[in-house]
Amino acid sequence: MPAEVQNPALLQKIEATKSLFSKTEKRVLSYIEKNPSKVIYLSVAGLAEASVVSDATVVRTCQKLGLAGYQELKLTLAQCLVTPQESIHEELHADDSVSAILDKVFQSTERALHFTHDITRPEVLDQAAAMILAAQRVCIYGLGNSHAVAVDLQHKLMRLGIDAVSYTDSHMEAINAAYCSPKDVVFAISHSGSSRDVVDSVRIAKKQGAKIITLTNAGPTPLGREADIALYTASQETHYRIVALSSRIAQFTLIDVLYTIIAMRKPGTVDGFHNIEKALQAKKY
């Protein structure tokens, strides 16, 4: 940790007020004090698991510290611990050359792809493909950085003749969730797995009987806990990053694999592709 942030104000506050917290809350505080740089990589469920407490205890502890919630805790720590260069890409340094930046960004993406490949179980992809093929409708949720991934999945499924709609607005997600049925599949995308709006909408859809597929980063998350089928990427990206880079490439790639499996199994795929090309032909010079 750089000398100028050896003792961030938040850690000083934790030390000064620890006696006011309960026994379980103190476990959360102790973990934060000992592992501040690790906490900015953890989901709320990850910190709860590491501290051997519930998610609610983590949130309550943050609020007793005067923070709005867990995300504000992470952002506050990140502002103390992370350099401006790291807020763009964790492995960059101020004096890096363009060549070094090129190498580091590509290497980061390559690692994310390799790690995602290694943790992905073929049988889980098989189950996800079967669930989508059996669905009457696929409702895709993705906010913020997950917006583009959600739209990409909609586009791919539509090309296969599957009724799919992406919802990238939290209100629209909630409205859609309220009208879900046991014949529907909700595919929820969130790198952190902690997007409150996405988790809330998924819970509504689940109460309506919809099947849930999630795509998050590896590790325990509130969203992953709601899944019937959980898919994971493996990328060490934090929530203080301006834009997620390697994780999004890993998400797109995993969706490409899922699309290919479905295309290979769905009857009439080739004829469908021909019909699409005819329909789009007039839109090209």
C-alpha atoms as a PDB file:
ATOM      1  CA  MET A   1       0.000   0.000   0.000  1.00  0.00           C
ATOM      2  CA  PRO A   2       1.493   3.426  -0.892  1.00  0.00           C
ATOM      3  CA  ALA A   3       2.791   5.457   2.048  1.00  0.00           C
ATOM      4  CA  GLU A   4       0.224   8.220   1.613  1.00  0.00           C
ATOM      5  CA  VAL A   5      -2.668   5.788   2.149  1.00  0.00           C
ATOM      6  CA  GLN A   6      -1.169   3.620   4.904  1.00  0.00           C
ATOM      7  CA  ASN A   7      -4.087   4.435   7.195  1.00  0.00           C
ATOM      8  CA  PRO A   8      -7.169   5.588   5.252  1.00  0.00           C
ATOM      9  CA  ALA A   9      -9.730   7.658   7.153  1.00  0.00           C
ATOM     10  CA  LEU A  10     -12.306   4.856   6.929  1.00  0.00           C
ATOM     11  CA  LEU A  11      -9.957   2.409   8.673  1.00  0.00           C
ATOM     12  CA  GLN A  12      -9.269   5.008  11.353  1.00  0.00           C
ATOM     13  CA  LYS A  13     -13.019   5.374  11.900  1.00  0.00           C
ATOM     14  CA  ILE A  14     -13.425   1.593  12.178  1.00  0.00           C
ATOM     15  CA  GLU A  15     -10.687   1.422  14.817  1.00  0.00           C
ATOM     16  CA  ALA A  16     -12.176   4.323  16.796  1.00  0.00           C
ATOM     17  CA  THR A  17     -15.781   3.049  16.815  1.00  0.00           C
ATOM     18  CA  LYS A  18     -15.360  -0.729  16.870  1.00  0.00           C
ATOM     19  CA  SER A  19     -16.521  -0.997  20.493  1.00  0.00           C
ATOM     20  CA  LEU A  20     -19.996   0.207  19.428  1.00  0.00           C
ATOM     21  CA  PHE A  21     -20.572  -2.778  17.130  1.00  0.00           C
ATOM     22  CA  SER A  22     -21.986  -6.233  17.883  1.00  0.00           C
ATOM     23  CA  LYS A  23     -19.874  -9.394  17.981  1.00  0.00           C
ATOM     24  CA  THR A  24     -20.816 -10.427  14.426  1.00  0.00           C
ATOM     25  CA  GLU A  25     -20.379  -6.883  13.094  1.00  0.00           C
ATOM     26  CA  LYS A  26     -16.889  -6.795  14.614  1.00  0.00           C
ATOM     27  CA  ARG A  27     -15.986  -9.850  12.515  1.00  0.00           C
ATOM     28  CA  VAL A  28     -16.816  -7.837   9.392  1.00  0.00           C
ATOM     29  CA  LEU A  29     -14.796  -4.866  10.625  1.00  0.00           C
ATOM     30  CA  SER A  30     -11.799  -7.055  11.483  1.00  0.00           C
ATOM     31  CA  TYR A  31     -11.768  -8.554   8.014  1.00  0.00           C
ATOM     32  CA  ILE A  32     -11.959  -5.099   6.423  1.00  0.00           C
ATOM     33  CA  GLU A  33      -9.082  -3.824   8.575  1.00  0.00           C
ATOM     34  CA  LYS A  34      -6.856  -6.787   7.758  1.00  0.00           C
ATOM     35  CA  ASN A  35      -7.776  -7.042   4.049  1.00  0.00           C
ATOM     36  CA  PRO A  36      -8.823  -3.607   2.699  1.00  0.00           C
ATOM     37  CA  SER A  37      -7.390  -4.244  -0.775  1.00  0.00           C
ATOM     38  CA  LYS A  38      -9.213  -7.596  -0.997  1.00  0.00           C
ATOM     39  CA  VAL A  39     -12.559  -6.117   0.023  1.00  0.00           C
ATOM     40  CA  ILE A  40     -12.770  -3.940  -3.104  1.00  0.00           C
ATOM     41  CA  TYR A  41     -12.789  -7.164  -5.158  1.00  0.00           C
ATOM     42  CA  LEU A  42     -15.481  -8.928  -3.096  1.00  0.00           C
ATOM     43  CA  SER A  43     -19.239  -8.930  -3.541  1.00  0.00           C
ATOM     44  CA  VAL A  44     -21.377  -8.391  -0.448  1.00  0.00           C
ATOM     45  CA  ALA A  45     -21.894 -12.150  -0.335  1.00  0.00           C
ATOM     46  CA  GLY A  46     -18.147 -12.690  -0.672  1.00  0.00           C
ATOM     47  CA  LEU A  47     -17.371 -10.478   2.326  1.00  0.00           C
ATOM     48  CA  ALA A  48     -20.160 -12.132   4.303  1.00  0.00           C
ATOM     49  CA  GLU A  49     -18.701 -15.558   3.560  1.00  0.00           C
ATOM     50  CA  ALA A  50     -15.156 -14.435   4.419  1.00  0.00           C
ATOM     51  CA  SER A  51     -16.370 -12.940   7.716  1.00  0.00           C
ATOM     52  CA  VAL A  52     -18.697 -15.892   8.491  1.00  0.00           C
ATOM     53  CA  VAL A  53     -21.761 -13.652   8.800  1.00  0.00           C
ATOM     54  CA  SER A  54     -24.918 -12.991   6.787  1.00  0.00           C
ATOM     55  CA  ASP A  55     -25.262 -10.538   3.896  1.00  0.00           C
ATOM     56  CA  ALA A  56     -27.592  -8.473   6.083  1.00  0.00           C
ATOM     57  CA  THR A  57     -24.903  -8.170   8.765  1.00  0.00           C
ATOM     58  CA  VAL A  58     -22.451  -6.761   6.206  1.00  0.00           C
ATOM     59  CA  VAL A  59     -24.965  -4.167   5.008  1.00  0.00           C
ATOM     60  CA  ARG A  60     -25.931  -3.258   8.584  1.00  0.00           C
ATOM     61  CA  THR A  61     -22.253  -2.826   9.510  1.00  0.00           C
ATOM     62  CA  CYS A  62     -21.720  -0.457   6.566  1.00  0.00           C
ATOM     63  CA  GLN A  63     -24.747   1.600   7.555  1.00  0.00           C
ATOM     64  CA  LYS A  64     -23.553   1.855  11.182  1.00  0.00           C
ATOM     65  CA  LEU A  65     -20.299   3.262   9.773  1.00  0.00           C
ATOM     66  CA  GLY A  66     -22.378   6.063   8.255  1.00  0.00           C
ATOM     67  CA  LEU A  67     -22.290   4.660   4.710  1.00  0.00           C
ATOM     68  CA  ALA A  68     -25.279   4.157   2.410  1.00  0.00           C
ATOM     69  CA  GLY A  69     -24.394   0.505   1.892  1.00  0.00           C
ATOM     70  CA  TYR A  70     -21.746  -1.959   0.818  1.00  0.00           C
ATOM     71  CA  GLN A  71     -21.023  -0.328  -2.542  1.00  0.00           C
ATOM     72  CA  GLU A  72     -20.174   2.965  -0.817  1.00  0.00           C
ATOM     73  CA  LEU A  73     -17.794   1.076   1.482  1.00  0.00           C
ATOM     74  CA  LYS A  74     -15.976  -0.365  -1.535  1.00  0.00           C
ATOM     75  CA  LEU A  75     -15.826   2.974  -3.323  1.00  0.00           C
ATOM     76  CA  THR A  76     -14.513   4.709  -0.213  1.00  0.00           C
ATOM     77  CA  LEU A  77     -11.764   2.123   0.199  1.00  0.00           C
ATOM     78  CA  ALA A  78     -10.935   2.238  -3.514  1.00  0.00           C
ATOM     79  CA  GLN A  79     -10.529   6.020  -3.465  1.00  0.00           C
ATOM     80  CA  CYS A  80      -7.881   5.587  -0.771  1.00  0.00           C
ATOM     81  CA  LEU A  81      -6.116   2.522  -2.125  1.00  0.00           C
ATOM     82  CA  VAL A  82      -6.328   2.798  -5.904  1.00  0.00           C
ATOM     83  CA  THR A  83      -4.284   5.062  -8.189  1.00  0.00           C
ATOM     84  CA  PRO A  84      -5.948   7.014 -11.041  1.00  0.00           C
ATOM     85  CA  GLN A  85      -4.300   4.637 -13.535  1.00  0.00           C
ATOM     86  CA  GLU A  86      -5.706   1.587 -11.746  1.00  0.00           C
ATOM     87  CA  SER A  87      -9.203   3.065 -11.948  1.00  0.00           C
ATOM     88  CA  ILE A  88      -8.898   2.601 -15.710  1.00  0.00           C
ATOM     89  CA  HIS A  89      -7.048  -0.715 -15.646  1.00  0.00           C
ATOM     90  CA  GLU A  90      -5.691  -2.436 -12.538  1.00  0.00           C
ATOM     91  CA  GLU A  91      -2.343  -3.338 -14.098  1.00  0.00           C
ATOM     92  CA  LEU A  92      -1.442   0.016 -15.665  1.00  0.00           C
ATOM     93  CA  HIS A  93       1.140   2.451 -14.317  1.00  0.00           C
ATOM     94  CA  ALA A  94       1.586   6.162 -14.993  1.00  0.00           C
ATOM     95  CA  ASP A  95       4.858   5.668 -16.886  1.00  0.00           C
ATOM     96  CA  ASP A  96       3.666   2.783 -19.106  1.00  0.00           C
ATOM     97  CA  SER A  97       4.416   3.126 -22.811  1.00  0.00           C
ATOM     98  CA  VAL A  98       1.764   2.577 -25.470  1.00  0.00           C
ATOM     99  CA  SER A  99       3.411  -0.770 -26.191  1.00  0.00           C
ATOM    100  CA  ALA A 100       3.118  -1.763 -22.519  1.00  0.00           C
ATOM    101  CA  ILE A 101      -0.538  -0.692 -22.419  1.00  0.00           C
ATOM    102  CA  LEU A 102      -1.223  -2.774 -25.533  1.00  0.00           C
ATOM    103  CA  ASP A 103       0.422  -5.828 -23.969  1.00  0.00           C
ATOM    104  CA  LYS A 104      -1.256  -5.461 -20.563  1.00  0.00           C
ATOM    105  CA  VAL A 105      -4.783  -4.985 -21.901  1.00  0.00           C
ATOM    106  CA  PHE A 106      -4.460  -7.972 -24.228  1.00  0.00           C
ATOM    107  CA  GLN A 107      -2.869 -10.137 -21.531  1.00  0.00           C
ATOM    108  CA  SER A 108      -5.625  -9.244 -19.070  1.00  0.00           C
ATOM    109  CA  THR A 109      -8.293 -10.237 -21.588  1.00  0.00           C
ATOM    110  CA  GLU A 110      -6.480 -13.447 -22.500  1.00  0.00           C
ATOM    111  CA  ARG A 111      -6.268 -14.441 -18.829  1.00  0.00           C
ATOM    112  CA  ALA A 112      -9.960 -13.730 -18.307  1.00  0.00           C
ATOM    113  CA  LEU A 113     -10.842 -15.927 -21.295  1.00  0.00           C
ATOM    114  CA  HIS A 114      -8.575 -18.769 -20.147  1.00  0.00           C
ATOM    115  CA  PHE A 115      -9.844 -18.644 -16.560  1.00  0.00           C
ATOM    116  CA  THR A 116     -13.472 -18.488 -17.720  1.00  0.00           C
ATOM    117  CA  HIS A 117     -12.899 -21.479 -19.993  1.00  0.00           C
ATOM    118  CA  ASP A 118     -11.342 -23.457 -17.145  1.00  0.00           C
ATOM    119  CA  ILE A 119     -14.147 -22.843 -14.629  1.00  0.00           C
ATOM    120  CA  THR A 120     -17.031 -23.386 -17.072  1.00  0.00           C
ATOM    121  CA  ARG A 121     -18.665 -26.801 -16.808  1.00  0.00           C
ATOM    122  CA  PRO A 122     -19.983 -28.146 -20.142  1.00  0.00           C
ATOM    123  CA  GLU A 123     -22.948 -29.810 -18.445  1.00  0.00           C
ATOM    124  CA  VAL A 124     -24.110 -26.437 -17.069  1.00  0.00           C
ATOM    125  CA  LEU A 125     -23.978 -24.888 -20.557  1.00  0.00           C
ATOM    126  CA  ASP A 126     -25.918 -27.917 -21.800  1.00  0.00           C
ATOM    127  CA  GLN A 127     -28.608 -27.315 -19.147  1.00  0.00           C
ATOM    128  CA  ALA A 128     -28.801 -23.592 -19.945  1.00  0.00           C
ATOM    129  CA  ALA A 129     -29.215 -24.284 -23.671  1.00  0.00           C
ATOM    130  CA  ALA A 130     -31.961 -26.828 -22.990  1.00  0.00           C
ATOM    131  CA  MET A 131     -33.786 -24.403 -20.687  1.00  0.00           C
ATOM    132  CA  ILE A 132     -33.708 -21.635 -23.310  1.00  0.00           C
ATOM    133  CA  LEU A 133     -34.878 -23.981 -26.060  1.00  0.00           C
ATOM    134  CA  ALA A 134     -37.829 -25.076 -23.911  1.00  0.00           C
ATOM    135  CA  ALA A 135     -38.854 -21.523 -22.963  1.00  0.00           C
ATOM    136  CA  GLN A 136     -41.851 -19.733 -24.405  1.00  0.00           C
ATOM    137  CA  ARG A 137     -40.011 -16.429 -23.920  1.00  0.00           C
ATOM    138  CA  VAL A 138     -36.523 -15.348 -22.806  1.00  0.00           C
ATOM    139  CA  CYS A 139     -36.357 -12.108 -20.802  1.00  0.00           C
ATOM    140  CA  ILE A 140     -32.840 -10.691 -20.526  1.00  0.00           C
ATOM    141  CA  TYR A 141     -31.850  -8.263 -17.760  1.00  0.00           C
ATOM    142  CA  GLY A 142     -28.651  -6.193 -17.892  1.00  0.00           C
ATOM    143  CA  LEU A 143     -27.921  -2.693 -16.603  1.00  0.00           C
ATOM    144  CA  GLY A 144     -24.910  -0.402 -17.001  1.00  0.00           C
ATOM    145  CA  ASN A 145     -21.906  -2.258 -18.400  1.00  0.00           C
ATOM    146  CA  SER A 146     -24.088  -5.347 -18.866  1.00  0.00           C
ATOM    147  CA  HIS A 147     -26.432  -3.440 -21.212  1.00  0.00           C
ATOM    148  CA  ALA A 148     -24.440  -4.296 -24.361  1.00  0.00           C
ATOM    149  CA  VAL A 149     -24.125  -7.956 -23.353  1.00  0.00           C
ATOM    150  CA  ALA A 150     -27.891  -8.237 -22.796  1.00  0.00           C
ATOM    151  CA  VAL A 151     -28.644  -6.707 -26.212  1.00  0.00           C
ATOM    152  CA  ASP A 152     -26.100  -9.019 -27.863  1.00  0.00           C
ATOM    153  CA  LEU A 153     -27.799 -12.074 -26.355  1.00  0.00           C
ATOM    154  CA  GLN A 154     -31.208 -10.829 -27.534  1.00  0.00           C
ATOM    155  CA  HIS A 155     -29.867 -10.356 -31.055  1.00  0.00           C
ATOM    156  CA  LYS A 156     -28.365 -13.844 -31.180  1.00  0.00           C
ATOM    157  CA  LEU A 157     -31.473 -15.573 -29.838  1.00  0.00           C
ATOM    158  CA  MET A 158     -33.734 -13.658 -32.219  1.00  0.00           C
ATOM    159  CA  ARG A 159     -31.602 -14.843 -35.143  1.00  0.00           C
ATOM    160  CA  LEU A 160     -32.444 -18.366 -34.021  1.00  0.00           C
ATOM    161  CA  GLY A 161     -36.167 -17.608 -34.023  1.00  0.00           C
ATOM    162  CA  ILE A 162     -36.384 -17.520 -30.220  1.00  0.00           C
ATOM    163  CA  ASP A 163     -38.694 -14.952 -28.634  1.00  0.00           C
ATOM    164  CA  ALA A 164     -36.174 -12.871 -26.652  1.00  0.00           C
ATOM    165  CA  VAL A 165     -36.304  -9.318 -25.313  1.00  0.00           C
ATOM    166  CA  SER A 166     -33.571  -7.447 -23.436  1.00  0.00           C
ATOM    167  CA  TYR A 167     -34.538  -5.034 -20.670  1.00  0.00           C
ATOM    168  CA  THR A 168     -31.852  -2.499 -19.830  1.00  0.00           C
ATOM    169  CA  ASP A 169     -33.925  -0.133 -17.697  1.00  0.00           C
ATOM    170  CA  SER A 170     -34.616  -1.036 -14.065  1.00  0.00           C
ATOM    171  CA  HIS A 171     -38.286  -0.010 -14.206  1.00  0.00           C
ATOM    172  CA  MET A 172     -38.899  -2.004 -17.379  1.00  0.00           C
ATOM    173  CA  GLU A 173     -37.215  -5.024 -15.797  1.00  0.00           C
ATOM    174  CA  ALA A 174     -39.519  -4.828 -12.791  1.00  0.00           C
ATOM    175  CA  ILE A 175     -42.615  -4.481 -14.982  1.00  0.00           C
ATOM    176  CA  ASN A 176     -41.556  -7.428 -17.112  1.00  0.00           C
ATOM    177  CA  ALA A 177     -40.789  -9.526 -14.020  1.00  0.00           C
ATOM    178  CA  ALA A 178     -44.289  -8.938 -12.658  1.00  0.00           C
ATOM    179  CA  TYR A 179     -45.753 -10.534 -15.799  1.00  0.00           C
ATOM    180  CA  CYS A 180     -43.397 -13.515 -16.023  1.00  0.00           C
ATOM    181  CA  SER A 181     -44.776 -17.047 -15.930  1.00  0.00           C
ATOM    182  CA  PRO A 182     -43.454 -20.595 -15.421  1.00  0.00           C
ATOM    183  CA  LYS A 183     -43.041 -20.803 -19.216  1.00  0.00           C
ATOM    184  CA  ASP A 184     -40.497 -17.958 -19.223  1.00  0.00           C
ATOM    185  CA  VAL A 185     -36.748 -17.894 -18.656  1.00  0.00           C
ATOM    186  CA  VAL A 186     -35.056 -14.828 -17.182  1.00  0.00           C
ATOM    187  CA  PHE A 187     -31.398 -14.471 -18.136  1.00  0.00           C
ATOM    188  CA  ALA A 188     -29.845 -11.949 -15.727  1.00  0.00           C
ATOM    189  CA  ILE A 189     -26.381 -10.486 -16.381  1.00  0.00           C
ATOM    190  CA  SER A 190     -24.283  -8.644 -13.783  1.00  0.00           C
ATOM    191  CA  HIS A 191     -20.498  -8.842 -13.434  1.00  0.00           C
ATOM    192  CA  SER A 192     -20.681  -7.993  -9.730  1.00  0.00           C
ATOM    193  CA  GLY A 193     -23.786 -10.083  -9.112  1.00  0.00           C
ATOM    194  CA  SER A 194     -24.751  -7.350  -6.660  1.00  0.00           C
ATOM    195  CA  SER A 195     -26.841  -4.992  -8.794  1.00  0.00           C
ATOM    196  CA  ARG A 196     -29.782  -4.320  -6.481  1.00  0.00           C
ATOM    197  CA  ASP A 197     -32.266  -3.578  -9.275  1.00  0.00           C
ATOM    198  CA  VAL A 198     -31.409  -6.736 -11.219  1.00  0.00           C
ATOM    199  CA  VAL A 199     -31.566  -8.930  -8.099  1.00  0.00           C
ATOM    200  CA  ASP A 200     -34.922  -7.411  -7.076  1.00  0.00           C
ATOM    201  CA  SER A 201     -36.413  -7.990 -10.543  1.00  0.00           C
ATOM    202  CA  VAL A 202     -35.140 -11.553 -10.639  1.00  0.00           C
ATOM    203  CA  ARG A 203     -36.763 -12.245  -7.272  1.00  0.00           C
ATOM    204  CA  ILE A 204     -40.085 -10.903  -8.579  1.00  0.00           C
ATOM    205  CA  ALA A 205     -39.839 -13.083 -11.717  1.00  0.00           C
ATOM    206  CA  LYS A 206     -38.924 -16.106  -9.605  1.00  0.00           C
ATOM    207  CA  LYS A 207     -42.054 -15.652  -7.481  1.00  0.00           C
ATOM    208  CA  GLN A 208     -44.039 -15.726 -10.715  1.00  0.00           C
ATOM    209  CA  GLY A 209     -42.513 -19.121 -11.494  1.00  0.00           C
ATOM    210  CA  ALA A 210     -39.957 -18.085 -14.129  1.00  0.00           C
ATOM    211  CA  LYS A 211     -36.736 -20.097 -14.474  1.00  0.00           C
ATOM    212  CA  ILE A 212     -33.579 -18.091 -13.754  1.00  0.00           C
ATOM    213  CA  ILE A 213     -30.206 -18.201 -15.535  1.00  0.00           C
ATOM    214  CA  THR A 214     -27.526 -15.843 -14.218  1.00  0.00           C
ATOM    215  CA  LEU A 215     -24.177 -14.689 -15.606  1.00  0.00           C
ATOM    216  CA  THR A 216     -21.856 -13.190 -12.980  1.00  0.00           C
ATOM    217  CA  ASN A 217     -18.210 -13.210 -12.055  1.00  0.00           C
ATOM    218  CA  ALA A 218     -17.074 -16.297 -10.142  1.00  0.00           C
ATOM    219  CA  GLY A 219     -17.841 -16.412  -6.436  1.00  0.00           C
ATOM    220  CA  PRO A 220     -20.901 -16.116  -4.210  1.00  0.00           C
ATOM    221  CA  THR A 221     -23.222 -13.225  -5.089  1.00  0.00           C
ATOM    222  CA  PRO A 222     -26.809 -12.208  -4.249  1.00  0.00           C
ATOM    223  CA  LEU A 223     -27.798 -12.691  -7.907  1.00  0.00           C
ATOM    224  CA  GLY A 224     -26.142 -16.088  -8.239  1.00  0.00           C
ATOM    225  CA  ARG A 225     -28.046 -17.323  -5.209  1.00  0.00           C
ATOM    226  CA  GLU A 226     -31.334 -16.802  -7.070  1.00  0.00           C
ATOM    227  CA  ALA A 227     -30.259 -18.904 -10.069  1.00  0.00           C
ATOM    228  CA  ASP A 228     -31.600 -22.219 -11.268  1.00  0.00           C
ATOM    229  CA  ILE A 229     -28.549 -22.297 -13.540  1.00  0.00           C
ATOM    230  CA  ALA A 230     -25.511 -20.117 -12.789  1.00  0.00           C
ATOM    231  CA  LEU A 231     -22.903 -19.251 -15.415  1.00  0.00           C
ATOM    232  CA  TYR A 232     -19.639 -17.553 -14.451  1.00  0.00           C
ATOM    233  CA  THR A 233     -16.807 -15.544 -15.904  1.00  0.00           C
ATOM    234  CA  ALA A 234     -13.474 -15.266 -14.098  1.00  0.00           C
ATOM    235  CA  SER A 235     -12.009 -11.780 -14.217  1.00  0.00           C
ATOM    236  CA  GLN A 236     -10.381  -9.754 -11.428  1.00  0.00           C
ATOM    237  CA  GLU A 237     -12.159  -6.498 -12.101  1.00  0.00           C
ATOM    238  CA  THR A 238     -13.490  -4.247  -9.414  1.00  0.00           C
ATOM    239  CA  HIS A 239     -16.379  -1.837  -9.203  1.00  0.00           C
ATOM    240  CA  TYR A 240     -14.205   1.283  -9.138  1.00  0.00           C
ATOM    241  CA  ARG A 241     -13.168   0.662 -12.740  1.00  0.00           C
ATOM    242  CA  ILE A 242     -14.547   3.290 -15.130  1.00  0.00           C
ATOM    243  CA  VAL A 243     -15.494   0.574 -17.643  1.00  0.00           C
ATOM    244  CA  ALA A 244     -15.233  -3.184 -17.300  1.00  0.00           C
ATOM    245  CA  LEU A 245     -12.950  -4.489 -20.032  1.00  0.00           C
ATOM    246  CA  SER A 246     -11.839  -8.106 -19.874  1.00  0.00           C
ATOM    247  CA  SER A 247     -14.936  -9.301 -18.010  1.00  0.00           C
ATOM    248  CA  ARG A 248     -17.189  -8.071 -20.802  1.00  0.00           C
ATOM    249  CA  ILE A 249     -15.142  -9.894 -23.450  1.00  0.00           C
ATOM    250  CA  ALA A 250     -15.455 -13.064 -21.357  1.00  0.00           C
ATOM    251  CA  GLN A 251     -19.230 -12.542 -21.081  1.00  0.00           C
ATOM    252  CA  PHE A 252     -19.602 -12.060 -24.852  1.00  0.00           C
ATOM    253  CA  THR A 253     -17.536 -15.194 -25.486  1.00  0.00           C
ATOM    254  CA  LEU A 254     -19.555 -17.353 -23.095  1.00  0.00           C
ATOM    255  CA  ILE A 255     -22.760 -16.147 -24.774  1.00  0.00           C
ATOM    256  CA  ASP A 256     -21.250 -17.006 -28.180  1.00  0.00           C
ATOM    257  CA  VAL A 257     -20.671 -20.557 -26.929  1.00  0.00           C
ATOM    258  CA  LEU A 258     -24.239 -20.809 -25.640  1.00  0.00           C
ATOM    259  CA  TYR A 259     -25.603 -19.432 -28.923  1.00  0.00           C
ATOM    260  CA  THR A 260     -23.609 -21.991 -30.907  1.00  0.00           C
ATOM    261  CA  ILE A 261     -24.895 -24.887 -28.782  1.00  0.00           C
ATOM    262  CA  ILE A 262     -28.496 -23.739 -29.261  1.00  0.00           C
ATOM    263  CA  ALA A 263     -28.013 -23.184 -33.006  1.00  0.00           C
ATOM    264  CA  MET A 264     -26.640 -26.706 -33.410  1.00  0.00           C
ATOM    265  CA  ARG A 265     -29.639 -28.216 -31.638  1.00  0.00           C
ATOM    266  CA  LYS A 266     -32.538 -26.141 -32.916  1.00  0.00           C
ATOM    267  CA  PRO A 267     -34.320 -27.621 -35.938  1.00  0.00           C
ATOM    268  CA  GLY A 268     -34.491 -25.368 -38.998  1.00  0.00           C
ATOM    269  CA  THR A 269     -31.549 -23.171 -37.993  1.00  0.00           C
ATOM    270  CA  VAL A 270     -29.957 -23.149 -41.464  1.00  0.00           C
ATOM    271  CA  ASP A 271     -33.252 -22.337 -43.199  1.00  0.00           C
ATOM    272  CA  GLY A 272     -33.785 -19.571 -40.662  1.00  0.00           C
ATOM    273  CA  PHE A 273     -30.387 -18.066 -41.457  1.00  0.00           C
ATOM    274  CA  HIS A 274     -31.239 -18.059 -45.175  1.00  0.00           C
ATOM    275  CA  ASN A 275     -34.549 -16.301 -44.499  1.00  0.00           C
ATOM    276  CA  ILE A 276     -32.793 -13.671 -42.371  1.00  0.00           C
ATOM    277  CA  GLU A 277     -30.248 -12.973 -45.106  1.00  0.00           C
ATOM    278  CA  LYS A 278     -33.053 -12.500 -47.644  1.00  0.00           C
ATOM    279  CA  ALA A 279     -34.895 -10.156 -45.281  1.00  0.00           C
ATOM    280  CA  LEU A 280     -31.737  -8.071 -44.692  1.00  0.00           C
ATOM    281  CA  GLN A 281     -30.506  -8.108 -48.269  1.00  0.00           C
ATOM    282  CA  ALA A 282     -32.354  -4.937 -49.213  1.00  0.00           C
ATOM    283  CA  LYS A 283     -30.661  -3.074 -46.353  1.00  0.00           C
ATOM    284  CA  LYS A 284     -27.190  -3.467 -47.874  1.00  0.00           C
ATOM    285  CA  TYR A 285     -25.603  -1.782 -50.910  1.00  0.00           C
END
